[in-house]
């Protein structure tokens, strides 16, 4: 018996330390990954963030809020040129791309989800 499950995610921060000399290489690997994409904040879509934080915090944490349409388009079509732009950002946010076609089955014996 197949059951549809509603996915619910929460945000979390998992701190870990990366040596300074390996940081750019680590971020480049994330940027090249197909399961992770760069989070781009936009004023129209992220109104709560834009209205909640002060300008100096937005400059550091949500730099893409200040970008014009051309700069956002450049970030979305990320290539070798824009890597350097991203690597120079003081704060970089990523989104995980999770496969939405995962099916779950309920087991009768243990009432577990496989």
PDB file of N, CA and C in Angstrom:
ATOM      1  N   UNK A   1       0.849  -1.177   0.000  1.00  0.00           N
ATOM      2  CA  UNK A   1       0.000   0.000   0.000  1.00  0.00           C
ATOM      3  C   UNK A   1       0.891   1.236   0.000  1.00  0.00           C
ATOM      4  N   UNK A   2       0.754   2.099  -0.993  1.00  0.00           N
ATOM      5  CA  UNK A   2       1.530   3.341  -1.067  1.00  0.00           C
ATOM      6  C   UNK A   2       0.786   4.460  -0.363  1.00  0.00           C
ATOM      7  N   UNK A   3       1.524   5.273   0.328  1.00  0.00           N
ATOM      8  CA  UNK A   3       0.940   6.404   1.045  1.00  0.00           C
ATOM      9  C   UNK A   3       1.689   7.667   0.652  1.00  0.00           C
ATOM     10  N   UNK A   4       0.949   8.730   0.394  1.00  0.00           N
ATOM     11  CA  UNK A   4       1.587  10.024   0.131  1.00  0.00           C
ATOM     12  C   UNK A   4       1.941  10.673   1.450  1.00  0.00           C
ATOM     13  N   UNK A   5       3.126  11.181   1.524  1.00  0.00           N
ATOM     14  CA  UNK A   5       3.593  11.822   2.754  1.00  0.00           C
ATOM     15  C   UNK A   5       3.921  13.264   2.450  1.00  0.00           C
ATOM     16  N   UNK A   6       3.486  14.149   3.317  1.00  0.00           N
ATOM     17  CA  UNK A   6       3.806  15.566   3.163  1.00  0.00           C
ATOM     18  C   UNK A   6       5.166  15.798   3.824  1.00  0.00           C
ATOM     19  N   UNK A   7       6.089  16.367   3.052  1.00  0.00           N
ATOM     20  CA  UNK A   7       7.425  16.638   3.570  1.00  0.00           C
ATOM     21  C   UNK A   7       7.420  17.966   4.320  1.00  0.00           C
ATOM     22  N   UNK A   8       8.107  17.994   5.429  1.00  0.00           N
ATOM     23  CA  UNK A   8       8.250  19.239   6.170  1.00  0.00           C
ATOM     24  C   UNK A   8       9.702  19.327   6.623  1.00  0.00           C
ATOM     25  N   UNK A   9      10.321  20.441   6.307  1.00  0.00           N
ATOM     26  CA  UNK A   9      11.728  20.615   6.621  1.00  0.00           C
ATOM     27  C   UNK A   9      11.892  21.787   7.567  1.00  0.00           C
ATOM     28  N   UNK A  10      12.939  21.745   8.338  1.00  0.00           N
ATOM     29  CA  UNK A  10      13.268  22.881   9.185  1.00  0.00           C
ATOM     30  C   UNK A  10      14.701  23.297   8.871  1.00  0.00           C
ATOM     31  N   UNK A  11      14.989  24.540   9.133  1.00  0.00           N
ATOM     32  CA  UNK A  11      16.324  25.052   8.891  1.00  0.00           C
ATOM     33  C   UNK A  11      17.204  24.747  10.096  1.00  0.00           C
ATOM     34  N   UNK A  12      18.446  24.443   9.849  1.00  0.00           N
ATOM     35  CA  UNK A  12      19.388  24.225  10.925  1.00  0.00           C
ATOM     36  C   UNK A  12      20.769  24.646  10.458  1.00  0.00           C
ATOM     37  N   UNK A  13      21.589  24.927  11.408  1.00  0.00           N
ATOM     38  CA  UNK A  13      22.967  25.291  11.106  1.00  0.00           C
ATOM     39  C   UNK A  13      23.852  24.248  11.773  1.00  0.00           C
ATOM     40  N   UNK A  14      24.660  23.625  10.970  1.00  0.00           N
ATOM     41  CA  UNK A  14      25.592  22.630  11.504  1.00  0.00           C
ATOM     42  C   UNK A  14      26.997  23.202  11.349  1.00  0.00           C
ATOM     43  N   UNK A  15      27.547  23.686  12.429  1.00  0.00           N
ATOM     44  CA  UNK A  15      28.884  24.292  12.321  1.00  0.00           C
ATOM     45  C   UNK A  15      29.989  23.247  12.187  1.00  0.00           C
ATOM     46  N   UNK A  16      30.935  23.559  11.371  1.00  0.00           N
ATOM     47  CA  UNK A  16      32.151  22.764  11.276  1.00  0.00           C
ATOM     48  C   UNK A  16      33.241  23.682  10.762  1.00  0.00           C
ATOM     49  N   UNK A  17      34.453  23.267  11.004  1.00  0.00           N
ATOM     50  CA  UNK A  17      35.590  24.116  10.693  1.00  0.00           C
ATOM     51  C   UNK A  17      36.290  23.628   9.430  1.00  0.00           C
ATOM     52  N   UNK A  18      36.559  24.577   8.530  1.00  0.00           N
ATOM     53  CA  UNK A  18      37.300  24.277   7.308  1.00  0.00           C
ATOM     54  C   UNK A  18      38.546  25.159   7.321  1.00  0.00           C
ATOM     55  N   UNK A  19      39.676  24.574   7.052  1.00  0.00           N
ATOM     56  CA  UNK A  19      40.904  25.362   7.013  1.00  0.00           C
ATOM     57  C   UNK A  19      40.802  26.430   5.934  1.00  0.00           C
ATOM     58  N   UNK A  20      41.377  27.578   6.204  1.00  0.00           N
ATOM     59  CA  UNK A  20      41.285  28.723   5.294  1.00  0.00           C
ATOM     60  C   UNK A  20      41.775  28.377   3.886  1.00  0.00           C
ATOM     61  N   UNK A  21      42.838  27.618   3.800  1.00  0.00           N
ATOM     62  CA  UNK A  21      43.396  27.301   2.479  1.00  0.00           C
ATOM     63  C   UNK A  21      42.505  26.333   1.691  1.00  0.00           C
ATOM     64  N   UNK A  22      41.600  25.598   2.368  1.00  0.00           N
ATOM     65  CA  UNK A  22      40.705  24.662   1.697  1.00  0.00           C
ATOM     66  C   UNK A  22      39.299  25.217   1.483  1.00  0.00           C
ATOM     67  N   UNK A  23      39.023  26.404   2.003  1.00  0.00           N
ATOM     68  CA  UNK A  23      37.662  26.965   1.960  1.00  0.00           C
ATOM     69  C   UNK A  23      37.158  27.167   0.527  1.00  0.00           C
ATOM     70  N   UNK A  24      37.948  27.811  -0.322  1.00  0.00           N
ATOM     71  CA  UNK A  24      37.511  28.063  -1.706  1.00  0.00           C
ATOM     72  C   UNK A  24      37.257  26.757  -2.454  1.00  0.00           C
ATOM     73  N   UNK A  25      38.093  25.788  -2.229  1.00  0.00           N
ATOM     74  CA  UNK A  25      37.917  24.488  -2.879  1.00  0.00           C
ATOM     75  C   UNK A  25      36.616  23.832  -2.409  1.00  0.00           C
ATOM     76  N   UNK A  26      36.323  23.940  -1.131  1.00  0.00           N
ATOM     77  CA  UNK A  26      35.089  23.376  -0.568  1.00  0.00           C
ATOM     78  C   UNK A  26      33.847  24.044  -1.174  1.00  0.00           C
ATOM     79  N   UNK A  27      33.842  25.367  -1.242  1.00  0.00           N
ATOM     80  CA  UNK A  27      32.707  26.103  -1.803  1.00  0.00           C
ATOM     81  C   UNK A  27      32.554  25.790  -3.293  1.00  0.00           C
ATOM     82  N   UNK A  28      33.648  25.695  -4.006  1.00  0.00           N
ATOM     83  CA  UNK A  28      33.580  25.343  -5.430  1.00  0.00           C
ATOM     84  C   UNK A  28      32.962  23.959  -5.627  1.00  0.00           C
ATOM     85  N   UNK A  29      33.299  23.017  -4.760  1.00  0.00           N
ATOM     86  CA  UNK A  29      32.697  21.680  -4.842  1.00  0.00           C
ATOM     87  C   UNK A  29      31.193  21.744  -4.601  1.00  0.00           C
ATOM     88  N   UNK A  30      30.768  22.577  -3.663  1.00  0.00           N
ATOM     89  CA  UNK A  30      29.333  22.745  -3.418  1.00  0.00           C
ATOM     90  C   UNK A  30      28.643  23.367  -4.630  1.00  0.00           C
ATOM     91  N   UNK A  31      29.280  24.365  -5.221  1.00  0.00           N
ATOM     92  CA  UNK A  31      28.697  25.038  -6.383  1.00  0.00           C
ATOM     93  C   UNK A  31      28.578  24.101  -7.585  1.00  0.00           C
ATOM     94  N   UNK A  32      29.485  23.156  -7.707  1.00  0.00           N
ATOM     95  CA  UNK A  32      29.467  22.230  -8.843  1.00  0.00           C
ATOM     96  C   UNK A  32      28.537  21.039  -8.615  1.00  0.00           C
ATOM     97  N   UNK A  33      28.110  20.832  -7.385  1.00  0.00           N
ATOM     98  CA  UNK A  33      27.247  19.699  -7.058  1.00  0.00           C
ATOM     99  C   UNK A  33      25.857  19.882  -7.682  1.00  0.00           C
ATOM    100  N   UNK A  34      25.273  18.789  -8.130  1.00  0.00           N
ATOM    101  CA  UNK A  34      23.933  18.834  -8.721  1.00  0.00           C
ATOM    102  C   UNK A  34      22.838  18.784  -7.661  1.00  0.00           C
ATOM    103  N   UNK A  35      23.171  18.389  -6.437  1.00  0.00           N
ATOM    104  CA  UNK A  35      22.190  18.291  -5.352  1.00  0.00           C
ATOM    105  C   UNK A  35      22.094  19.574  -4.516  1.00  0.00           C
ATOM    106  N   UNK A  36      22.978  20.505  -4.785  1.00  0.00           N
ATOM    107  CA  UNK A  36      23.015  21.746  -4.006  1.00  0.00           C
ATOM    108  C   UNK A  36      23.050  22.913  -4.977  1.00  0.00           C
ATOM    109  N   UNK A  37      22.268  23.960  -4.665  1.00  0.00           N
ATOM    110  CA  UNK A  37      22.328  25.151  -5.503  1.00  0.00           C
ATOM    111  C   UNK A  37      22.447  26.388  -4.628  1.00  0.00           C
ATOM    112  N   UNK A  38      23.001  27.409  -5.205  1.00  0.00           N
ATOM    113  CA  UNK A  38      23.198  28.669  -4.508  1.00  0.00           C
ATOM    114  C   UNK A  38      21.848  29.311  -4.220  1.00  0.00           C
ATOM    115  N   UNK A  39      21.610  29.730  -2.988  1.00  0.00           N
ATOM    116  CA  UNK A  39      20.362  30.409  -2.621  1.00  0.00           C
ATOM    117  C   UNK A  39      20.502  31.880  -2.995  1.00  0.00           C
ATOM    118  N   UNK A  40      19.604  32.335  -3.849  1.00  0.00           N
ATOM    119  CA  UNK A  40      19.619  33.727  -4.285  1.00  0.00           C
ATOM    120  C   UNK A  40      18.388  34.414  -3.715  1.00  0.00           C
ATOM    121  N   UNK A  41      18.620  35.421  -2.893  1.00  0.00           N
ATOM    122  CA  UNK A  41      17.527  36.170  -2.279  1.00  0.00           C
ATOM    123  C   UNK A  41      17.106  37.301  -3.207  1.00  0.00           C
ATOM    124  N   UNK A  42      15.796  37.526  -3.305  1.00  0.00           N
ATOM    125  CA  UNK A  42      15.266  38.593  -4.140  1.00  0.00           C
ATOM    126  C   UNK A  42      14.261  39.399  -3.331  1.00  0.00           C
ATOM    127  N   UNK A  43      14.273  40.720  -3.516  1.00  0.00           N
ATOM    128  CA  UNK A  43      13.392  41.596  -2.748  1.00  0.00           C
ATOM    129  C   UNK A  43      11.923  41.216  -2.896  1.00  0.00           C
ATOM    130  N   UNK A  44      11.502  40.890  -4.122  1.00  0.00           N
ATOM    131  CA  UNK A  44      10.099  40.584  -4.381  1.00  0.00           C
ATOM    132  C   UNK A  44       9.663  39.290  -3.682  1.00  0.00           C
ATOM    133  N   UNK A  45      10.531  38.293  -3.677  1.00  0.00           N
ATOM    134  CA  UNK A  45      10.184  36.989  -3.111  1.00  0.00           C
ATOM    135  C   UNK A  45      10.447  36.902  -1.610  1.00  0.00           C
ATOM    136  N   UNK A  46      11.467  37.568  -1.151  1.00  0.00           N
ATOM    137  CA  UNK A  46      11.875  37.481   0.257  1.00  0.00           C
ATOM    138  C   UNK A  46      11.575  38.790   0.987  1.00  0.00           C
ATOM    139  N   UNK A  47      10.325  39.173   0.977  1.00  0.00           N
ATOM    140  CA  UNK A  47       9.899  40.441   1.579  1.00  0.00           C
ATOM    141  C   UNK A  47      10.137  40.436   3.093  1.00  0.00           C
ATOM    142  N   UNK A  48       9.879  39.298   3.745  1.00  0.00           N
ATOM    143  CA  UNK A  48      10.064  39.225   5.196  1.00  0.00           C
ATOM    144  C   UNK A  48      11.511  39.476   5.597  1.00  0.00           C
ATOM    145  N   UNK A  49      12.434  38.878   4.891  1.00  0.00           N
ATOM    146  CA  UNK A  49      13.860  39.078   5.195  1.00  0.00           C
ATOM    147  C   UNK A  49      14.241  40.527   4.946  1.00  0.00           C
ATOM    148  N   UNK A  50      13.785  41.052   3.826  1.00  0.00           N
ATOM    149  CA  UNK A  50      14.112  42.424   3.451  1.00  0.00           C
ATOM    150  C   UNK A  50      13.575  43.431   4.460  1.00  0.00           C
ATOM    151  N   UNK A  51      12.392  43.204   4.975  1.00  0.00           N
ATOM    152  CA  UNK A  51      11.796  44.154   5.916  1.00  0.00           C
ATOM    153  C   UNK A  51      12.268  43.947   7.359  1.00  0.00           C
ATOM    154  N   UNK A  52      12.711  42.745   7.683  1.00  0.00           N
ATOM    155  CA  UNK A  52      13.077  42.434   9.069  1.00  0.00           C
ATOM    156  C   UNK A  52      14.474  42.922   9.457  1.00  0.00           C
ATOM    157  N   UNK A  53      15.448  42.702   8.590  1.00  0.00           N
ATOM    158  CA  UNK A  53      16.836  43.002   8.927  1.00  0.00           C
ATOM    159  C   UNK A  53      17.226  44.428   8.550  1.00  0.00           C
ATOM    160  N   UNK A  54      18.144  44.970   9.314  1.00  0.00           N
ATOM    161  CA  UNK A  54      18.681  46.295   8.996  1.00  0.00           C
ATOM    162  C   UNK A  54      19.619  46.198   7.797  1.00  0.00           C
ATOM    163  N   UNK A  55      19.867  47.328   7.186  1.00  0.00           N
ATOM    164  CA  UNK A  55      20.656  47.374   5.955  1.00  0.00           C
ATOM    165  C   UNK A  55      22.056  46.785   6.127  1.00  0.00           C
ATOM    166  N   UNK A  56      22.734  47.111   7.217  1.00  0.00           N
ATOM    167  CA  UNK A  56      24.099  46.603   7.391  1.00  0.00           C
ATOM    168  C   UNK A  56      24.134  45.072   7.531  1.00  0.00           C
ATOM    169  N   UNK A  57      23.109  44.486   8.123  1.00  0.00           N
ATOM    170  CA  UNK A  57      23.030  43.023   8.232  1.00  0.00           C
ATOM    171  C   UNK A  57      22.711  42.416   6.865  1.00  0.00           C
ATOM    172  N   UNK A  58      21.809  43.047   6.127  1.00  0.00           N
ATOM    173  CA  UNK A  58      21.474  42.555   4.780  1.00  0.00           C
ATOM    174  C   UNK A  58      22.688  42.605   3.860  1.00  0.00           C
ATOM    175  N   UNK A  59      23.526  43.605   4.031  1.00  0.00           N
ATOM    176  CA  UNK A  59      24.746  43.718   3.219  1.00  0.00           C
ATOM    177  C   UNK A  59      25.681  42.532   3.437  1.00  0.00           C
ATOM    178  N   UNK A  60      25.690  42.006   4.647  1.00  0.00           N
ATOM    179  CA  UNK A  60      26.588  40.899   4.985  1.00  0.00           C
ATOM    180  C   UNK A  60      25.924  39.539   4.730  1.00  0.00           C
ATOM    181  N   UNK A  61      24.740  39.343   5.276  1.00  0.00           N
ATOM    182  CA  UNK A  61      24.094  38.031   5.247  1.00  0.00           C
ATOM    183  C   UNK A  61      23.332  37.723   3.959  1.00  0.00           C
ATOM    184  N   UNK A  62      22.713  38.731   3.371  1.00  0.00           N
ATOM    185  CA  UNK A  62      21.831  38.513   2.217  1.00  0.00           C
ATOM    186  C   UNK A  62      22.210  39.466   1.090  1.00  0.00           C
ATOM    187  N   UNK A  63      23.436  39.358   0.658  1.00  0.00           N
ATOM    188  CA  UNK A  63      23.990  40.263  -0.349  1.00  0.00           C
ATOM    189  C   UNK A  63      23.167  40.297  -1.638  1.00  0.00           C
ATOM    190  N   UNK A  64      22.603  39.173  -2.028  1.00  0.00           N
ATOM    191  CA  UNK A  64      21.863  39.117  -3.289  1.00  0.00           C
ATOM    192  C   UNK A  64      20.555  39.923  -3.251  1.00  0.00           C
ATOM    193  N   UNK A  65      20.091  40.318  -2.063  1.00  0.00           N
ATOM    194  CA  UNK A  65      18.915  41.190  -1.973  1.00  0.00           C
ATOM    195  C   UNK A  65      19.183  42.538  -2.639  1.00  0.00           C
ATOM    196  N   UNK A  66      20.431  42.943  -2.673  1.00  0.00           N
ATOM    197  CA  UNK A  66      20.791  44.242  -3.222  1.00  0.00           C
ATOM    198  C   UNK A  66      21.111  44.185  -4.712  1.00  0.00           C
ATOM    199  N   UNK A  67      21.108  42.984  -5.290  1.00  0.00           N
ATOM    200  CA  UNK A  67      21.471  42.832  -6.701  1.00  0.00           C
ATOM    201  C   UNK A  67      20.338  43.258  -7.626  1.00  0.00           C
ATOM    202  N   UNK A  68      20.722  43.783  -8.778  1.00  0.00           N
ATOM    203  CA  UNK A  68      19.718  44.100  -9.795  1.00  0.00           C
ATOM    204  C   UNK A  68      19.418  42.837 -10.602  1.00  0.00           C
ATOM    205  N   UNK A  69      18.472  42.924 -11.536  1.00  0.00           N
ATOM    206  CA  UNK A  69      18.040  41.744 -12.301  1.00  0.00           C
ATOM    207  C   UNK A  69      19.171  41.114 -13.106  1.00  0.00           C
ATOM    208  N   UNK A  70      20.032  41.952 -13.621  1.00  0.00           N
ATOM    209  CA  UNK A  70      21.153  41.437 -14.423  1.00  0.00           C
ATOM    210  C   UNK A  70      22.129  40.631 -13.561  1.00  0.00           C
ATOM    211  N   UNK A  71      22.425  41.142 -12.372  1.00  0.00           N
ATOM    212  CA  UNK A  71      23.337  40.442 -11.469  1.00  0.00           C
ATOM    213  C   UNK A  71      22.729  39.125 -10.994  1.00  0.00           C
ATOM    214  N   UNK A  72      21.429  39.118 -10.742  1.00  0.00           N
ATOM    215  CA  UNK A  72      20.748  37.889 -10.318  1.00  0.00           C
ATOM    216  C   UNK A  72      20.779  36.855 -11.438  1.00  0.00           C
ATOM    217  N   UNK A  73      20.534  37.303 -12.651  1.00  0.00           N
ATOM    218  CA  UNK A  73      20.579  36.402 -13.808  1.00  0.00           C
ATOM    219  C   UNK A  73      21.971  35.788 -13.949  1.00  0.00           C
ATOM    220  N   UNK A  74      22.988  36.602 -13.715  1.00  0.00           N
ATOM    221  CA  UNK A  74      24.376  36.139 -13.782  1.00  0.00           C
ATOM    222  C   UNK A  74      24.641  35.061 -12.732  1.00  0.00           C
ATOM    223  N   UNK A  75      24.107  35.260 -11.518  1.00  0.00           N
ATOM    224  CA  UNK A  75      24.306  34.269 -10.455  1.00  0.00           C
ATOM    225  C   UNK A  75      23.552  32.968 -10.750  1.00  0.00           C
ATOM    226  N   UNK A  76      22.362  33.092 -11.318  1.00  0.00           N
ATOM    227  CA  UNK A  76      21.578  31.888 -11.630  1.00  0.00           C
ATOM    228  C   UNK A  76      22.267  31.034 -12.680  1.00  0.00           C
ATOM    229  N   UNK A  77      22.875  31.673 -13.657  1.00  0.00           N
ATOM    230  CA  UNK A  77      23.619  30.950 -14.690  1.00  0.00           C
ATOM    231  C   UNK A  77      25.086  30.891 -14.287  1.00  0.00           C
ATOM    232  N   UNK A  78      25.328  30.236 -13.182  1.00  0.00           N
ATOM    233  CA  UNK A  78      26.665  30.259 -12.596  1.00  0.00           C
ATOM    234  C   UNK A  78      27.672  29.558 -13.511  1.00  0.00           C
ATOM    235  N   UNK A  79      28.795  30.187 -13.684  1.00  0.00           N
ATOM    236  CA  UNK A  79      29.877  29.631 -14.499  1.00  0.00           C
ATOM    237  C   UNK A  79      31.205  30.058 -13.887  1.00  0.00           C
ATOM    238  N   UNK A  80      32.273  29.781 -14.557  1.00  0.00           N
ATOM    239  CA  UNK A  80      33.614  30.076 -14.038  1.00  0.00           C
ATOM    240  C   UNK A  80      33.780  31.551 -13.651  1.00  0.00           C
ATOM    241  N   UNK A  81      33.174  32.455 -14.419  1.00  0.00           N
ATOM    242  CA  UNK A  81      33.303  33.884 -14.123  1.00  0.00           C
ATOM    243  C   UNK A  81      32.654  34.256 -12.801  1.00  0.00           C
ATOM    244  N   UNK A  82      31.459  33.717 -12.570  1.00  0.00           N
ATOM    245  CA  UNK A  82      30.720  34.113 -11.368  1.00  0.00           C
ATOM    246  C   UNK A  82      31.192  33.387 -10.116  1.00  0.00           C
ATOM    247  N   UNK A  83      31.966  32.306 -10.269  1.00  0.00           N
ATOM    248  CA  UNK A  83      32.501  31.636  -9.076  1.00  0.00           C
ATOM    249  C   UNK A  83      33.273  32.610  -8.205  1.00  0.00           C
ATOM    250  N   UNK A  84      34.102  33.436  -8.817  1.00  0.00           N
ATOM    251  CA  UNK A  84      34.910  34.368  -8.027  1.00  0.00           C
ATOM    252  C   UNK A  84      34.036  35.369  -7.297  1.00  0.00           C
ATOM    253  N   UNK A  85      32.934  35.772  -7.928  1.00  0.00           N
ATOM    254  CA  UNK A  85      32.003  36.699  -7.288  1.00  0.00           C
ATOM    255  C   UNK A  85      31.366  36.060  -6.048  1.00  0.00           C
ATOM    256  N   UNK A  86      30.954  34.807  -6.183  1.00  0.00           N
ATOM    257  CA  UNK A  86      30.339  34.088  -5.072  1.00  0.00           C
ATOM    258  C   UNK A  86      31.349  33.847  -3.961  1.00  0.00           C
ATOM    259  N   UNK A  87      32.561  33.471  -4.313  1.00  0.00           N
ATOM    260  CA  UNK A  87      33.577  33.181  -3.301  1.00  0.00           C
ATOM    261  C   UNK A  87      33.947  34.413  -2.482  1.00  0.00           C
ATOM    262  N   UNK A  88      33.727  35.600  -3.023  1.00  0.00           N
ATOM    263  CA  UNK A  88      34.042  36.823  -2.291  1.00  0.00           C
ATOM    264  C   UNK A  88      32.895  37.328  -1.428  1.00  0.00           C
ATOM    265  N   UNK A  89      31.770  36.637  -1.453  1.00  0.00           N
ATOM    266  CA  UNK A  89      30.650  37.026  -0.593  1.00  0.00           C
ATOM    267  C   UNK A  89      30.987  36.671   0.849  1.00  0.00           C
ATOM    268  N   UNK A  90      30.640  37.544   1.797  1.00  0.00           N
ATOM    269  CA  UNK A  90      30.946  37.233   3.200  1.00  0.00           C
ATOM    270  C   UNK A  90      30.080  36.102   3.765  1.00  0.00           C
ATOM    271  N   UNK A  91      28.887  35.916   3.212  1.00  0.00           N
ATOM    272  CA  UNK A  91      27.994  34.858   3.680  1.00  0.00           C
ATOM    273  C   UNK A  91      27.366  34.197   2.457  1.00  0.00           C
ATOM    274  N   UNK A  92      27.440  32.880   2.379  1.00  0.00           N
ATOM    275  CA  UNK A  92      26.915  32.150   1.229  1.00  0.00           C
ATOM    276  C   UNK A  92      25.861  31.160   1.732  1.00  0.00           C
ATOM    277  N   UNK A  93      24.684  31.195   1.129  1.00  0.00           N
ATOM    278  CA  UNK A  93      23.608  30.275   1.503  1.00  0.00           C
ATOM    279  C   UNK A  93      23.357  29.309   0.350  1.00  0.00           C
ATOM    280  N   UNK A  94      23.104  28.057   0.700  1.00  0.00           N
ATOM    281  CA  UNK A  94      22.829  27.028  -0.296  1.00  0.00           C
ATOM    282  C   UNK A  94      21.487  26.389  -0.010  1.00  0.00           C
ATOM    283  N   UNK A  95      20.864  25.838  -1.061  1.00  0.00           N
ATOM    284  CA  UNK A  95      19.645  25.059  -0.934  1.00  0.00           C
ATOM    285  C   UNK A  95      19.946  23.640  -1.386  1.00  0.00           C
ATOM    286  N   UNK A  96      19.401  22.665  -0.656  1.00  0.00           N
ATOM    287  CA  UNK A  96      19.544  21.272  -1.059  1.00  0.00           C
ATOM    288  C   UNK A  96      18.394  20.920  -1.999  1.00  0.00           C
ATOM    289  N   UNK A  97      18.699  20.227  -3.066  1.00  0.00           N
ATOM    290  CA  UNK A  97      17.679  19.767  -3.998  1.00  0.00           C
ATOM    291  C   UNK A  97      17.385  18.317  -3.638  1.00  0.00           C
ATOM    292  N   UNK A  98      16.170  18.084  -3.133  1.00  0.00           N
ATOM    293  CA  UNK A  98      15.787  16.757  -2.666  1.00  0.00           C
ATOM    294  C   UNK A  98      14.795  16.167  -3.657  1.00  0.00           C
ATOM    295  N   UNK A  99      15.012  14.926  -4.025  1.00  0.00           N
ATOM    296  CA  UNK A  99      14.136  14.243  -4.964  1.00  0.00           C
ATOM    297  C   UNK A  99      12.735  14.121  -4.360  1.00  0.00           C
ATOM    298  N   UNK A 100      11.737  14.697  -5.029  1.00  0.00           N
ATOM    299  CA  UNK A 100      10.364  14.706  -4.511  1.00  0.00           C
ATOM    300  C   UNK A 100       9.589  13.431  -4.839  1.00  0.00           C
ATOM    301  N   UNK A 101      10.132  12.550  -5.640  1.00  0.00           N
ATOM    302  CA  UNK A 101       9.401  11.359  -6.061  1.00  0.00           C
ATOM    303  C   UNK A 101       9.634  10.162  -5.139  1.00  0.00           C
ATOM    304  N   UNK A 102      10.003  10.400  -3.893  1.00  0.00           N
ATOM    305  CA  UNK A 102      10.242   9.325  -2.940  1.00  0.00           C
ATOM    306  C   UNK A 102       8.906   8.740  -2.479  1.00  0.00           C
ATOM    307  N   UNK A 103       8.765   7.415  -2.551  1.00  0.00           N
ATOM    308  CA  UNK A 103       7.539   6.761  -2.113  1.00  0.00           C
ATOM    309  C   UNK A 103       7.766   6.105  -0.772  1.00  0.00           C
ATOM    310  N   UNK A 104       6.720   6.041   0.005  1.00  0.00           N
ATOM    311  CA  UNK A 104       6.802   5.400   1.314  1.00  0.00           C
ATOM    312  C   UNK A 104       5.761   4.294   1.393  1.00  0.00           C
ATOM    313  N   UNK A 105       6.082   3.228   2.099  1.00  0.00           N
ATOM    314  CA  UNK A 105       5.134   2.134   2.316  1.00  0.00           C
ATOM    315  C   UNK A 105       5.047   1.879   3.808  1.00  0.00           C
ATOM    316  N   UNK A 106       3.840   1.624   4.257  1.00  0.00           N
ATOM    317  CA  UNK A 106       3.613   1.379   5.674  1.00  0.00           C
ATOM    318  C   UNK A 106       3.616  -0.129   5.909  1.00  0.00           C
ATOM    319  N   UNK A 107       4.461  -0.590   6.816  1.00  0.00           N
ATOM    320  CA  UNK A 107       4.516  -2.011   7.146  1.00  0.00           C
ATOM    321  C   UNK A 107       3.507  -2.329   8.232  1.00  0.00           C
ATOM    322  N   UNK A 108       2.796  -3.420   8.083  1.00  0.00           N
ATOM    323  CA  UNK A 108       1.754  -3.788   9.045  1.00  0.00           C
ATOM    324  C   UNK A 108       2.338  -4.326  10.354  1.00  0.00           C
ATOM    325  N   UNK A 109       3.455  -5.090  10.246  1.00  0.00           N
ATOM    326  CA  UNK A 109       3.995  -5.732  11.443  1.00  0.00           C
ATOM    327  C   UNK A 109       4.505  -4.720  12.469  1.00  0.00           C
ATOM    328  N   UNK A 110       5.379  -3.862  12.033  1.00  0.00           N
ATOM    329  CA  UNK A 110       6.032  -2.926  12.961  1.00  0.00           C
ATOM    330  C   UNK A 110       5.526  -1.498  12.805  1.00  0.00           C
ATOM    331  N   UNK A 111       4.608  -1.298  11.871  1.00  0.00           N
ATOM    332  CA  UNK A 111       4.104   0.037  11.562  1.00  0.00           C
ATOM    333  C   UNK A 111       5.245   0.996  11.264  1.00  0.00           C
ATOM    334  N   UNK A 112       6.137   0.537  10.430  1.00  0.00           N
ATOM    335  CA  UNK A 112       7.288   1.357  10.072  1.00  0.00           C
ATOM    336  C   UNK A 112       7.180   1.819   8.630  1.00  0.00           C
ATOM    337  N   UNK A 113       7.942   2.856   8.310  1.00  0.00           N
ATOM    338  CA  UNK A 113       7.952   3.386   6.951  1.00  0.00           C
ATOM    339  C   UNK A 113       9.241   2.945   6.272  1.00  0.00           C
ATOM    340  N   UNK A 114       9.106   2.387   5.088  1.00  0.00           N
ATOM    341  CA  UNK A 114      10.271   1.935   4.328  1.00  0.00           C
ATOM    342  C   UNK A 114      10.542   2.907   3.224  1.00  0.00           C
TER     343      UNK A 114
END
